[in-house]
């Protein structure tokens, strides 16, 4: 069954083009014309994997606010933000979100969708292995009451320490967009490298009018 991508776009023609792109890439496209409609779809649709949202939309919530809400309420969903009017600061985007300026490269957008889906599948495999390791520890120690959460945490830490080859953040060469990096220990934003099709660091510091 194709993975679901929720597209949030208030311009009918651009929505149609985005739907065609998503479907041709092999995904199931869901549509919403604003943030409120998008949240309703997320509350009623199971297994939405990726959110693709424009920034400027009618209503009280724009695409950046929607992206932040989705990250808080549905953390597993991967987020792609697009805009033809502005380039947001890195701090305005959820961690690991991807930003594309309009008009975006169709091929690179499709590549990004597939890369995000691959990341989700990888994380699901990791979670399954962590769960198995946690239960193994639980059983090995005689299933002490109330200790399963501790075993889960220890197994996750152990598995993560042995999985350093798994990429934690998709860099800009995974699809041409700018990927919001993971926050550093001091909370500062890391600036992604500049490549054709992505914003230079200087461009990320101001809005395009």
N, C-alpha and C. Protein backbone atom coordinates (compact mmCIF):
# COMPACT_ATOMS: atom_id res chain seq x y z
N UNK A 1 0.85 -1.20 0.00
CA UNK A 1 0.00 0.00 0.00
C UNK A 1 0.88 1.25 0.00
N UNK A 2 0.62 2.21 -0.89
CA UNK A 2 1.44 3.42 -0.95
C UNK A 2 1.37 4.22 0.35
N UNK A 3 2.48 4.83 0.73
CA UNK A 3 2.49 5.69 1.90
C UNK A 3 1.74 6.98 1.61
N UNK A 4 1.16 7.56 2.68
CA UNK A 4 0.32 8.74 2.51
C UNK A 4 1.11 10.03 2.72
N UNK A 5 0.91 10.97 1.80
CA UNK A 5 1.50 12.30 1.89
C UNK A 5 0.37 13.31 1.92
N UNK A 6 0.32 14.12 2.97
CA UNK A 6 -0.71 15.16 3.07
C UNK A 6 -0.16 16.46 2.48
N UNK A 7 -0.82 16.95 1.45
CA UNK A 7 -0.41 18.18 0.76
C UNK A 7 -1.33 19.31 1.19
N UNK A 8 -0.73 20.40 1.69
CA UNK A 8 -1.50 21.55 2.16
C UNK A 8 -1.16 22.74 1.28
N UNK A 9 -2.09 23.14 0.43
CA UNK A 9 -1.87 24.21 -0.56
C UNK A 9 -3.20 24.85 -0.89
N UNK A 10 -3.25 26.20 -0.80
CA UNK A 10 -4.52 26.89 -1.03
C UNK A 10 -4.75 27.28 -2.49
N UNK A 11 -3.70 27.21 -3.32
CA UNK A 11 -3.85 27.52 -4.73
C UNK A 11 -4.23 26.25 -5.49
N UNK A 12 -5.43 26.21 -6.09
CA UNK A 12 -5.91 24.97 -6.73
C UNK A 12 -4.96 24.39 -7.78
N UNK A 13 -4.37 25.24 -8.62
CA UNK A 13 -3.49 24.74 -9.66
C UNK A 13 -2.22 24.15 -9.05
N UNK A 14 -1.65 24.84 -8.07
CA UNK A 14 -0.44 24.33 -7.43
C UNK A 14 -0.73 23.05 -6.64
N UNK A 15 -1.92 22.98 -6.06
CA UNK A 15 -2.32 21.76 -5.35
C UNK A 15 -2.41 20.59 -6.32
N UNK A 16 -3.01 20.83 -7.49
CA UNK A 16 -3.14 19.78 -8.49
C UNK A 16 -1.77 19.30 -8.96
N UNK A 17 -0.85 20.23 -9.18
CA UNK A 17 0.50 19.87 -9.62
C UNK A 17 1.23 19.06 -8.55
N UNK A 18 1.06 19.47 -7.29
CA UNK A 18 1.70 18.74 -6.20
C UNK A 18 1.13 17.34 -6.05
N UNK A 19 -0.18 17.22 -6.21
CA UNK A 19 -0.82 15.90 -6.14
C UNK A 19 -0.28 14.99 -7.24
N UNK A 20 -0.17 15.53 -8.45
CA UNK A 20 0.36 14.74 -9.56
C UNK A 20 1.79 14.28 -9.28
N UNK A 21 2.60 15.19 -8.74
CA UNK A 21 3.99 14.85 -8.42
C UNK A 21 4.06 13.72 -7.40
N UNK A 22 3.28 13.86 -6.33
CA UNK A 22 3.29 12.86 -5.25
C UNK A 22 2.81 11.50 -5.77
N UNK A 23 1.75 11.50 -6.54
CA UNK A 23 1.21 10.23 -7.05
C UNK A 23 2.16 9.59 -8.05
N UNK A 24 2.78 10.39 -8.91
CA UNK A 24 3.73 9.83 -9.87
C UNK A 24 4.96 9.28 -9.18
N UNK A 25 5.27 9.80 -7.98
CA UNK A 25 6.40 9.29 -7.20
C UNK A 25 6.04 7.99 -6.47
N UNK A 26 4.77 7.60 -6.56
CA UNK A 26 4.36 6.32 -5.97
C UNK A 26 3.70 6.42 -4.61
N UNK A 27 3.30 7.62 -4.21
CA UNK A 27 2.66 7.81 -2.92
C UNK A 27 1.16 8.07 -3.08
N UNK A 28 0.43 7.94 -2.00
CA UNK A 28 -0.99 8.31 -1.98
C UNK A 28 -1.09 9.76 -1.52
N UNK A 29 -1.74 10.61 -2.30
CA UNK A 29 -1.83 12.03 -2.00
C UNK A 29 -3.15 12.35 -1.29
N UNK A 30 -3.05 13.03 -0.16
CA UNK A 30 -4.21 13.57 0.54
C UNK A 30 -4.16 15.09 0.41
N UNK A 31 -5.32 15.74 0.34
CA UNK A 31 -5.35 17.17 0.07
C UNK A 31 -5.99 17.96 1.21
N UNK A 32 -5.46 19.18 1.42
CA UNK A 32 -6.05 20.13 2.36
C UNK A 32 -5.74 21.53 1.86
N UNK A 33 -6.72 22.43 1.97
CA UNK A 33 -6.55 23.78 1.44
C UNK A 33 -6.04 24.77 2.47
N UNK A 34 -6.03 24.39 3.74
CA UNK A 34 -5.49 25.26 4.78
C UNK A 34 -5.09 24.42 5.99
N UNK A 35 -4.54 25.09 7.00
CA UNK A 35 -4.02 24.36 8.16
C UNK A 35 -5.13 23.66 8.94
N UNK A 36 -6.26 24.33 9.09
CA UNK A 36 -7.36 23.72 9.85
C UNK A 36 -7.83 22.43 9.19
N UNK A 37 -7.96 22.46 7.86
CA UNK A 37 -8.37 21.26 7.13
C UNK A 37 -7.30 20.17 7.24
N UNK A 38 -6.04 20.58 7.26
CA UNK A 38 -4.95 19.61 7.38
C UNK A 38 -5.00 18.89 8.73
N UNK A 39 -5.24 19.64 9.80
CA UNK A 39 -5.31 19.02 11.12
C UNK A 39 -6.49 18.06 11.20
N UNK A 40 -7.61 18.44 10.60
CA UNK A 40 -8.77 17.55 10.56
C UNK A 40 -8.44 16.25 9.84
N UNK A 41 -7.72 16.36 8.71
CA UNK A 41 -7.34 15.15 7.98
C UNK A 41 -6.41 14.26 8.83
N UNK A 42 -5.48 14.90 9.53
CA UNK A 42 -4.55 14.13 10.36
C UNK A 42 -5.26 13.45 11.53
N UNK A 43 -6.31 14.07 12.02
CA UNK A 43 -7.06 13.49 13.13
C UNK A 43 -7.94 12.32 12.69
N UNK A 44 -8.24 12.27 11.40
CA UNK A 44 -9.14 11.22 10.90
C UNK A 44 -8.46 10.20 10.00
N UNK A 45 -7.30 10.55 9.47
CA UNK A 45 -6.58 9.65 8.57
C UNK A 45 -5.44 8.97 9.32
N UNK A 46 -5.37 7.67 9.22
CA UNK A 46 -4.29 6.92 9.86
C UNK A 46 -3.08 6.83 8.94
N UNK A 47 -1.92 6.79 9.55
CA UNK A 47 -0.69 6.46 8.83
C UNK A 47 -0.26 7.51 7.80
N UNK A 48 -0.52 8.78 8.05
CA UNK A 48 0.08 9.81 7.20
C UNK A 48 1.57 9.84 7.52
N UNK A 49 2.40 9.75 6.50
CA UNK A 49 3.85 9.63 6.71
C UNK A 49 4.58 10.96 6.53
N UNK A 50 4.10 11.77 5.57
CA UNK A 50 4.82 13.00 5.23
C UNK A 50 3.82 14.14 5.07
N UNK A 51 4.18 15.31 5.60
CA UNK A 51 3.41 16.54 5.40
C UNK A 51 4.17 17.43 4.44
N UNK A 52 3.50 17.87 3.37
CA UNK A 52 4.06 18.80 2.40
C UNK A 52 3.19 20.04 2.43
N UNK A 53 3.70 21.13 3.02
CA UNK A 53 2.86 22.31 3.23
C UNK A 53 3.48 23.60 2.71
N UNK A 54 2.64 24.42 2.13
CA UNK A 54 3.03 25.78 1.78
C UNK A 54 3.05 26.62 3.06
N UNK A 55 3.76 27.74 3.03
CA UNK A 55 3.81 28.61 4.22
C UNK A 55 2.61 29.54 4.25
N UNK A 56 2.41 30.28 3.16
CA UNK A 56 1.37 31.32 3.13
C UNK A 56 0.02 30.73 2.75
N UNK A 57 -0.90 30.73 3.72
CA UNK A 57 -2.23 30.18 3.50
C UNK A 57 -3.25 31.03 4.25
N UNK A 58 -4.51 30.98 3.83
CA UNK A 58 -5.55 31.71 4.56
C UNK A 58 -5.82 31.09 5.92
N UNK A 59 -6.44 31.86 6.81
CA UNK A 59 -6.76 31.34 8.13
C UNK A 59 -5.80 31.86 9.19
N UNK A 60 -6.03 31.43 10.40
CA UNK A 60 -5.24 31.92 11.53
C UNK A 60 -3.91 31.21 11.70
N UNK A 61 -3.69 30.13 10.96
CA UNK A 61 -2.45 29.34 11.09
C UNK A 61 -1.78 29.22 9.74
N UNK A 62 -0.52 29.66 9.65
CA UNK A 62 0.20 29.50 8.40
C UNK A 62 0.94 28.16 8.39
N UNK A 63 1.72 27.93 7.33
CA UNK A 63 2.38 26.65 7.19
C UNK A 63 3.44 26.38 8.25
N UNK A 64 4.10 27.44 8.72
CA UNK A 64 5.10 27.25 9.77
C UNK A 64 4.46 26.85 11.09
N UNK A 65 3.34 27.48 11.40
CA UNK A 65 2.61 27.11 12.61
C UNK A 65 2.06 25.69 12.49
N UNK A 66 1.59 25.34 11.30
CA UNK A 66 1.10 23.99 11.08
C UNK A 66 2.22 22.98 11.26
N UNK A 67 3.39 23.28 10.69
CA UNK A 67 4.52 22.36 10.80
C UNK A 67 4.90 22.14 12.27
N UNK A 68 4.90 23.22 13.05
CA UNK A 68 5.23 23.10 14.47
C UNK A 68 4.18 22.27 15.21
N UNK A 69 2.91 22.47 14.86
CA UNK A 69 1.82 21.72 15.50
C UNK A 69 1.92 20.24 15.17
N UNK A 70 2.20 19.94 13.91
CA UNK A 70 2.33 18.55 13.49
C UNK A 70 3.51 17.89 14.19
N UNK A 71 4.62 18.58 14.31
CA UNK A 71 5.78 18.01 15.00
C UNK A 71 5.45 17.71 16.47
N UNK A 72 4.65 18.58 17.11
CA UNK A 72 4.28 18.36 18.50
C UNK A 72 3.27 17.22 18.67
N UNK A 73 2.26 17.18 17.80
CA UNK A 73 1.17 16.21 17.97
C UNK A 73 1.43 14.88 17.28
N UNK A 74 2.15 14.92 16.16
CA UNK A 74 2.44 13.70 15.41
C UNK A 74 3.94 13.64 15.09
N UNK A 75 4.77 13.41 16.09
CA UNK A 75 6.23 13.47 15.91
C UNK A 75 6.80 12.60 14.79
N UNK A 76 6.23 11.41 14.51
CA UNK A 76 6.85 10.59 13.46
C UNK A 76 6.70 11.16 12.05
N UNK A 77 5.74 12.05 11.83
CA UNK A 77 5.50 12.57 10.47
C UNK A 77 6.67 13.43 10.03
N UNK A 78 7.17 13.17 8.84
CA UNK A 78 8.23 13.98 8.25
C UNK A 78 7.61 15.20 7.57
N UNK A 79 8.34 16.31 7.58
CA UNK A 79 7.77 17.59 7.17
C UNK A 79 8.60 18.24 6.06
N UNK A 80 7.91 18.64 4.99
CA UNK A 80 8.50 19.44 3.92
C UNK A 80 7.72 20.74 3.84
N UNK A 81 8.44 21.86 3.89
CA UNK A 81 7.83 23.19 3.83
C UNK A 81 8.26 23.85 2.53
N UNK A 82 7.31 24.47 1.82
CA UNK A 82 7.63 25.15 0.57
C UNK A 82 7.07 26.57 0.60
N UNK A 83 7.71 27.45 -0.18
CA UNK A 83 7.20 28.82 -0.30
C UNK A 83 7.84 29.49 -1.50
N UNK A 84 7.04 30.33 -2.17
CA UNK A 84 7.55 31.14 -3.25
C UNK A 84 7.68 32.59 -2.85
N UNK A 85 7.37 32.90 -1.60
CA UNK A 85 7.36 34.29 -1.14
C UNK A 85 8.40 34.60 -0.08
N UNK A 86 8.84 33.60 0.65
CA UNK A 86 9.78 33.86 1.73
C UNK A 86 10.67 32.64 1.98
N UNK A 87 11.81 32.90 2.57
CA UNK A 87 12.69 31.82 3.01
C UNK A 87 12.83 31.94 4.52
N UNK A 88 12.29 30.98 5.27
CA UNK A 88 12.27 31.09 6.72
C UNK A 88 13.64 30.91 7.34
N UNK A 89 13.81 31.47 8.52
CA UNK A 89 14.99 31.21 9.32
C UNK A 89 14.98 29.73 9.72
N UNK A 90 16.16 29.17 9.92
CA UNK A 90 16.24 27.78 10.35
C UNK A 90 15.47 27.57 11.65
N UNK A 91 15.56 28.54 12.55
CA UNK A 91 14.89 28.41 13.85
C UNK A 91 13.37 28.41 13.74
N UNK A 92 12.83 28.83 12.58
CA UNK A 92 11.38 28.84 12.39
C UNK A 92 10.84 27.48 11.97
N UNK A 93 11.72 26.59 11.53
CA UNK A 93 11.30 25.28 11.05
C UNK A 93 11.50 24.21 12.11
N UNK A 94 10.64 23.20 12.13
CA UNK A 94 10.86 22.09 13.06
C UNK A 94 12.17 21.38 12.73
N UNK A 95 12.75 20.77 13.73
CA UNK A 95 13.99 20.03 13.54
C UNK A 95 13.80 18.95 12.48
N UNK A 96 14.78 18.88 11.57
CA UNK A 96 14.80 17.89 10.49
C UNK A 96 13.76 18.14 9.41
N UNK A 97 13.08 19.29 9.44
CA UNK A 97 12.18 19.62 8.33
C UNK A 97 13.02 20.00 7.11
N UNK A 98 12.41 19.86 5.93
CA UNK A 98 13.09 20.21 4.68
C UNK A 98 12.38 21.40 4.05
N UNK A 99 13.15 22.39 3.57
CA UNK A 99 12.54 23.55 2.94
C UNK A 99 12.91 23.60 1.46
N UNK A 100 11.89 23.84 0.61
CA UNK A 100 12.06 24.06 -0.82
C UNK A 100 11.48 25.42 -1.18
N UNK A 101 12.19 26.17 -2.00
CA UNK A 101 11.62 27.39 -2.55
C UNK A 101 10.87 27.06 -3.84
N UNK A 102 9.79 27.78 -4.09
CA UNK A 102 9.04 27.60 -5.32
C UNK A 102 9.61 28.52 -6.41
N UNK A 103 9.62 28.08 -7.65
CA UNK A 103 9.23 26.73 -8.10
C UNK A 103 10.34 25.73 -7.77
N UNK A 104 9.96 24.58 -7.25
CA UNK A 104 10.96 23.60 -6.87
C UNK A 104 11.19 22.59 -7.99
N UNK A 105 12.34 21.96 -7.93
CA UNK A 105 12.69 20.94 -8.91
C UNK A 105 11.87 19.68 -8.63
N UNK A 106 11.09 19.26 -9.60
CA UNK A 106 10.19 18.12 -9.42
C UNK A 106 10.97 16.85 -9.09
N UNK A 107 12.07 16.62 -9.79
CA UNK A 107 12.87 15.42 -9.56
C UNK A 107 13.44 15.42 -8.15
N UNK A 108 13.96 16.57 -7.71
CA UNK A 108 14.55 16.64 -6.38
C UNK A 108 13.48 16.49 -5.29
N UNK A 109 12.29 17.01 -5.54
CA UNK A 109 11.21 16.84 -4.57
C UNK A 109 10.83 15.36 -4.46
N UNK A 110 10.73 14.68 -5.59
CA UNK A 110 10.41 13.25 -5.56
C UNK A 110 11.50 12.47 -4.83
N UNK A 111 12.76 12.83 -5.05
CA UNK A 111 13.86 12.17 -4.37
C UNK A 111 13.76 12.38 -2.86
N UNK A 112 13.40 13.59 -2.47
CA UNK A 112 13.28 13.89 -1.04
C UNK A 112 12.16 13.08 -0.41
N UNK A 113 11.03 12.95 -1.10
CA UNK A 113 9.93 12.13 -0.60
C UNK A 113 10.39 10.69 -0.37
N UNK A 114 11.11 10.14 -1.32
CA UNK A 114 11.59 8.76 -1.18
C UNK A 114 12.63 8.65 -0.07
N UNK A 115 13.49 9.65 0.08
CA UNK A 115 14.49 9.61 1.15
C UNK A 115 13.84 9.69 2.53
N UNK A 116 12.83 10.52 2.67
CA UNK A 116 12.13 10.61 3.95
C UNK A 116 11.41 9.31 4.28
N UNK A 117 10.80 8.71 3.27
CA UNK A 117 10.12 7.43 3.48
C UNK A 117 11.12 6.35 3.87
N UNK A 118 12.29 6.36 3.24
CA UNK A 118 13.33 5.38 3.59
C UNK A 118 13.78 5.57 5.03
N UNK A 119 13.89 6.82 5.44
CA UNK A 119 14.28 7.10 6.83
C UNK A 119 13.23 6.57 7.81
N UNK A 120 11.96 6.75 7.48
CA UNK A 120 10.89 6.26 8.34
C UNK A 120 10.94 4.73 8.46
N UNK A 121 11.18 4.06 7.35
CA UNK A 121 11.26 2.59 7.38
C UNK A 121 12.46 2.13 8.21
N UNK A 122 13.57 2.85 8.08
CA UNK A 122 14.76 2.52 8.86
C UNK A 122 14.50 2.67 10.35
N UNK A 123 13.84 3.76 10.72
CA UNK A 123 13.54 4.00 12.13
C UNK A 123 12.57 2.95 12.67
N UNK A 124 11.63 2.51 11.83
CA UNK A 124 10.70 1.47 12.27
C UNK A 124 11.44 0.17 12.53
N UNK A 125 12.42 -0.15 11.69
CA UNK A 125 13.23 -1.35 11.90
C UNK A 125 14.04 -1.23 13.18
N UNK A 126 14.59 -0.05 13.43
CA UNK A 126 15.35 0.18 14.66
C UNK A 126 14.46 -0.02 15.88
N UNK A 127 13.25 0.55 15.83
CA UNK A 127 12.34 0.43 16.98
C UNK A 127 11.99 -1.02 17.25
N UNK A 128 11.79 -1.80 16.18
CA UNK A 128 11.46 -3.21 16.36
C UNK A 128 12.61 -3.95 17.03
N UNK A 129 13.83 -3.66 16.60
CA UNK A 129 14.99 -4.33 17.19
C UNK A 129 15.19 -3.90 18.64
N UNK A 130 14.93 -2.63 18.92
CA UNK A 130 15.05 -2.14 20.30
C UNK A 130 14.01 -2.82 21.17
N UNK A 131 12.79 -2.96 20.66
CA UNK A 131 11.73 -3.63 21.42
C UNK A 131 12.12 -5.07 21.72
N UNK A 132 12.66 -5.76 20.73
CA UNK A 132 13.07 -7.15 20.92
C UNK A 132 14.18 -7.25 21.96
N UNK A 133 15.12 -6.31 21.91
CA UNK A 133 16.22 -6.33 22.88
C UNK A 133 15.72 -6.05 24.29
N UNK A 134 14.75 -5.13 24.39
CA UNK A 134 14.20 -4.80 25.70
C UNK A 134 13.49 -6.00 26.32
N UNK A 135 12.69 -6.70 25.52
CA UNK A 135 12.00 -7.87 26.03
C UNK A 135 12.98 -8.99 26.40
N UNK A 136 14.05 -9.11 25.60
CA UNK A 136 15.05 -10.13 25.90
C UNK A 136 15.69 -9.88 27.26
N UNK A 137 16.00 -8.62 27.54
CA UNK A 137 16.58 -8.28 28.84
C UNK A 137 15.57 -8.51 29.96
N UNK A 138 14.33 -8.15 29.65
CA UNK A 138 13.26 -8.31 30.65
C UNK A 138 13.13 -9.78 31.05
N UNK A 139 13.11 -10.66 30.04
CA UNK A 139 12.96 -12.09 30.30
C UNK A 139 14.21 -12.65 30.98
N UNK A 140 15.40 -12.18 30.56
CA UNK A 140 16.64 -12.70 31.13
C UNK A 140 16.75 -12.40 32.63
N UNK A 141 16.12 -11.32 33.06
CA UNK A 141 16.19 -10.93 34.47
C UNK A 141 14.95 -11.36 35.24
N UNK A 142 14.17 -12.26 34.67
CA UNK A 142 13.03 -12.81 35.40
C UNK A 142 11.82 -11.91 35.44
N UNK A 143 11.67 -10.99 34.46
CA UNK A 143 10.51 -10.11 34.36
C UNK A 143 10.20 -9.39 35.67
N UNK A 144 11.14 -8.62 36.22
CA UNK A 144 10.85 -7.88 37.46
C UNK A 144 9.74 -6.86 37.23
N UNK A 145 8.81 -6.79 38.16
CA UNK A 145 7.65 -5.91 38.00
C UNK A 145 8.09 -4.46 37.89
N UNK A 146 7.48 -3.76 36.93
CA UNK A 146 7.68 -2.33 36.79
C UNK A 146 9.01 -1.94 36.17
N UNK A 147 9.78 -2.89 35.64
CA UNK A 147 11.11 -2.59 35.13
C UNK A 147 11.20 -2.56 33.61
N UNK A 148 10.07 -2.81 32.90
CA UNK A 148 10.16 -2.89 31.45
C UNK A 148 10.58 -1.56 30.83
N UNK A 149 10.12 -0.44 31.37
CA UNK A 149 10.50 0.85 30.81
C UNK A 149 12.01 1.06 30.92
N UNK A 150 12.61 0.64 32.02
CA UNK A 150 14.06 0.77 32.18
C UNK A 150 14.78 -0.09 31.15
N UNK A 151 14.30 -1.30 30.93
CA UNK A 151 14.93 -2.17 29.96
C UNK A 151 14.82 -1.60 28.54
N UNK A 152 13.67 -1.00 28.24
CA UNK A 152 13.48 -0.36 26.93
C UNK A 152 14.50 0.76 26.75
N UNK A 153 14.66 1.60 27.75
CA UNK A 153 15.59 2.71 27.66
C UNK A 153 17.03 2.23 27.51
N UNK A 154 17.42 1.22 28.29
CA UNK A 154 18.78 0.70 28.21
C UNK A 154 19.04 0.04 26.85
N UNK A 155 18.04 -0.69 26.35
CA UNK A 155 18.20 -1.34 25.05
C UNK A 155 18.32 -0.31 23.94
N UNK A 156 17.55 0.76 24.04
CA UNK A 156 17.60 1.80 23.02
C UNK A 156 18.96 2.49 23.01
N UNK A 157 19.48 2.79 24.20
CA UNK A 157 20.79 3.43 24.30
C UNK A 157 21.87 2.51 23.75
N UNK A 158 21.78 1.22 24.06
CA UNK A 158 22.77 0.25 23.59
C UNK A 158 22.72 0.11 22.08
N UNK A 159 21.49 0.01 21.54
CA UNK A 159 21.34 -0.16 20.09
C UNK A 159 21.82 1.08 19.35
N UNK A 160 21.49 2.27 19.90
CA UNK A 160 21.89 3.52 19.25
C UNK A 160 23.40 3.66 19.22
N UNK A 161 24.06 3.21 20.30
CA UNK A 161 25.52 3.32 20.36
C UNK A 161 26.20 2.44 19.34
N UNK A 162 25.50 1.39 18.89
CA UNK A 162 26.06 0.48 17.89
C UNK A 162 25.55 0.76 16.49
N UNK A 163 24.83 1.88 16.31
CA UNK A 163 24.23 2.20 15.01
C UNK A 163 24.66 3.57 14.53
N UNK A 164 25.94 3.91 14.76
CA UNK A 164 26.41 5.24 14.41
C UNK A 164 26.43 5.48 12.92
N UNK A 165 26.33 4.41 12.11
CA UNK A 165 26.34 4.58 10.67
C UNK A 165 25.00 5.00 10.11
N UNK A 166 23.96 5.05 10.94
CA UNK A 166 22.64 5.43 10.46
C UNK A 166 22.53 6.94 10.45
N UNK A 167 22.24 7.57 9.32
CA UNK A 167 22.18 9.03 9.27
C UNK A 167 21.05 9.56 10.12
N UNK A 168 21.32 10.59 10.89
CA UNK A 168 20.31 11.18 11.76
C UNK A 168 19.57 12.32 11.08
N UNK A 169 20.20 12.95 10.08
CA UNK A 169 19.59 14.09 9.41
C UNK A 169 19.89 14.00 7.92
N UNK A 170 18.89 14.23 7.10
CA UNK A 170 19.13 14.26 5.67
C UNK A 170 19.73 15.60 5.29
N UNK A 171 20.92 15.59 4.68
CA UNK A 171 21.55 16.82 4.27
C UNK A 171 20.96 17.29 2.94
N UNK A 172 21.38 18.46 2.49
CA UNK A 172 20.75 19.06 1.32
C UNK A 172 20.95 18.24 0.06
N UNK A 173 21.98 17.38 0.00
CA UNK A 173 22.17 16.60 -1.21
C UNK A 173 21.22 15.42 -1.31
N UNK A 174 20.33 15.27 -0.33
CA UNK A 174 19.32 14.20 -0.39
C UNK A 174 18.05 14.67 -1.08
N UNK A 175 18.09 15.77 -1.81
CA UNK A 175 16.89 16.16 -2.52
C UNK A 175 16.87 17.59 -2.97
N UNK A 176 17.90 18.37 -2.68
CA UNK A 176 17.97 19.72 -3.19
C UNK A 176 17.39 20.76 -2.29
N UNK A 177 16.62 20.36 -1.27
CA UNK A 177 16.09 21.34 -0.34
C UNK A 177 17.06 21.57 0.80
N UNK A 178 16.76 22.54 1.62
CA UNK A 178 17.56 22.77 2.82
C UNK A 178 16.92 22.01 3.97
N UNK A 179 17.69 21.14 4.62
CA UNK A 179 17.18 20.37 5.75
C UNK A 179 17.55 21.04 7.05
N UNK A 180 16.55 21.25 7.91
CA UNK A 180 16.83 21.82 9.21
C UNK A 180 17.64 20.82 10.01
N UNK A 181 18.84 21.21 10.45
CA UNK A 181 19.68 20.26 11.17
C UNK A 181 19.19 20.02 12.59
N UNK A 182 19.68 18.92 13.18
CA UNK A 182 19.40 18.69 14.59
C UNK A 182 20.08 19.77 15.39
N UNK A 183 19.45 20.17 16.50
CA UNK A 183 20.03 21.22 17.33
C UNK A 183 21.27 20.70 18.04
N UNK A 184 22.28 21.56 18.17
CA UNK A 184 23.48 21.21 18.90
C UNK A 184 23.24 21.19 20.39
N UNK A 185 24.23 20.75 21.14
CA UNK A 185 24.07 20.65 22.58
C UNK A 185 23.82 22.00 23.22
N UNK A 186 24.35 23.06 22.58
CA UNK A 186 24.15 24.39 23.15
C UNK A 186 22.87 25.05 22.64
N UNK A 187 22.10 24.29 21.84
CA UNK A 187 20.83 24.81 21.34
C UNK A 187 20.96 25.66 20.10
N UNK A 188 22.18 25.85 19.59
CA UNK A 188 22.37 26.71 18.44
C UNK A 188 22.00 25.97 17.17
N UNK A 189 21.61 26.75 16.15
CA UNK A 189 21.30 26.17 14.85
C UNK A 189 22.59 25.93 14.08
N UNK A 190 22.69 24.79 13.44
CA UNK A 190 23.79 24.54 12.53
C UNK A 190 23.35 24.91 11.13
N UNK A 191 24.20 25.57 10.37
CA UNK A 191 23.85 26.00 9.03
C UNK A 191 24.23 24.92 8.03
N UNK A 192 23.29 24.44 7.21
CA UNK A 192 23.63 23.42 6.22
C UNK A 192 24.50 23.99 5.12
N UNK A 193 25.24 23.14 4.46
CA UNK A 193 26.10 23.60 3.38
C UNK A 193 25.27 24.06 2.20
N UNK A 194 25.85 24.93 1.39
CA UNK A 194 25.13 25.48 0.24
C UNK A 194 25.43 24.65 -0.99
N UNK A 195 24.38 24.34 -1.76
CA UNK A 195 24.52 23.60 -3.00
C UNK A 195 23.54 24.16 -4.01
N UNK A 196 23.75 23.87 -5.30
CA UNK A 196 22.75 24.28 -6.28
C UNK A 196 21.38 23.76 -5.92
N UNK A 197 20.40 24.63 -5.94
CA UNK A 197 19.04 24.22 -5.62
C UNK A 197 18.68 24.43 -4.17
N UNK A 198 19.64 24.85 -3.36
CA UNK A 198 19.35 25.10 -1.96
C UNK A 198 19.77 26.52 -1.62
N UNK A 199 19.31 27.03 -0.47
CA UNK A 199 19.63 28.38 -0.07
C UNK A 199 21.03 28.47 0.51
N UNK A 200 21.72 29.55 0.20
CA UNK A 200 23.00 29.83 0.83
C UNK A 200 22.73 30.27 2.27
N UNK A 201 23.71 30.12 3.16
CA UNK A 201 23.51 30.56 4.55
C UNK A 201 23.08 32.01 4.65
N UNK A 202 23.64 32.89 3.78
CA UNK A 202 23.26 34.29 3.85
C UNK A 202 21.81 34.50 3.48
N UNK A 203 21.30 33.65 2.59
CA UNK A 203 19.90 33.78 2.18
C UNK A 203 18.97 33.29 3.26
N UNK A 204 19.45 32.36 4.10
CA UNK A 204 18.62 31.85 5.18
C UNK A 204 18.44 32.88 6.28
N UNK A 205 19.27 33.90 6.28
CA UNK A 205 19.22 34.88 7.35
C UNK A 205 18.22 35.98 7.12
N UNK A 206 17.61 36.02 5.95
CA UNK A 206 16.64 37.08 5.66
C UNK A 206 15.55 36.55 4.78
N UNK A 207 14.43 37.26 4.72
CA UNK A 207 13.30 36.83 3.91
C UNK A 207 13.42 37.41 2.52
N UNK A 208 13.02 36.62 1.52
CA UNK A 208 12.94 37.12 0.15
C UNK A 208 11.60 37.79 -0.03
N UNK A 209 11.61 38.99 -0.46
CA UNK A 209 10.35 39.72 -0.69
C UNK A 209 9.85 39.46 -2.09
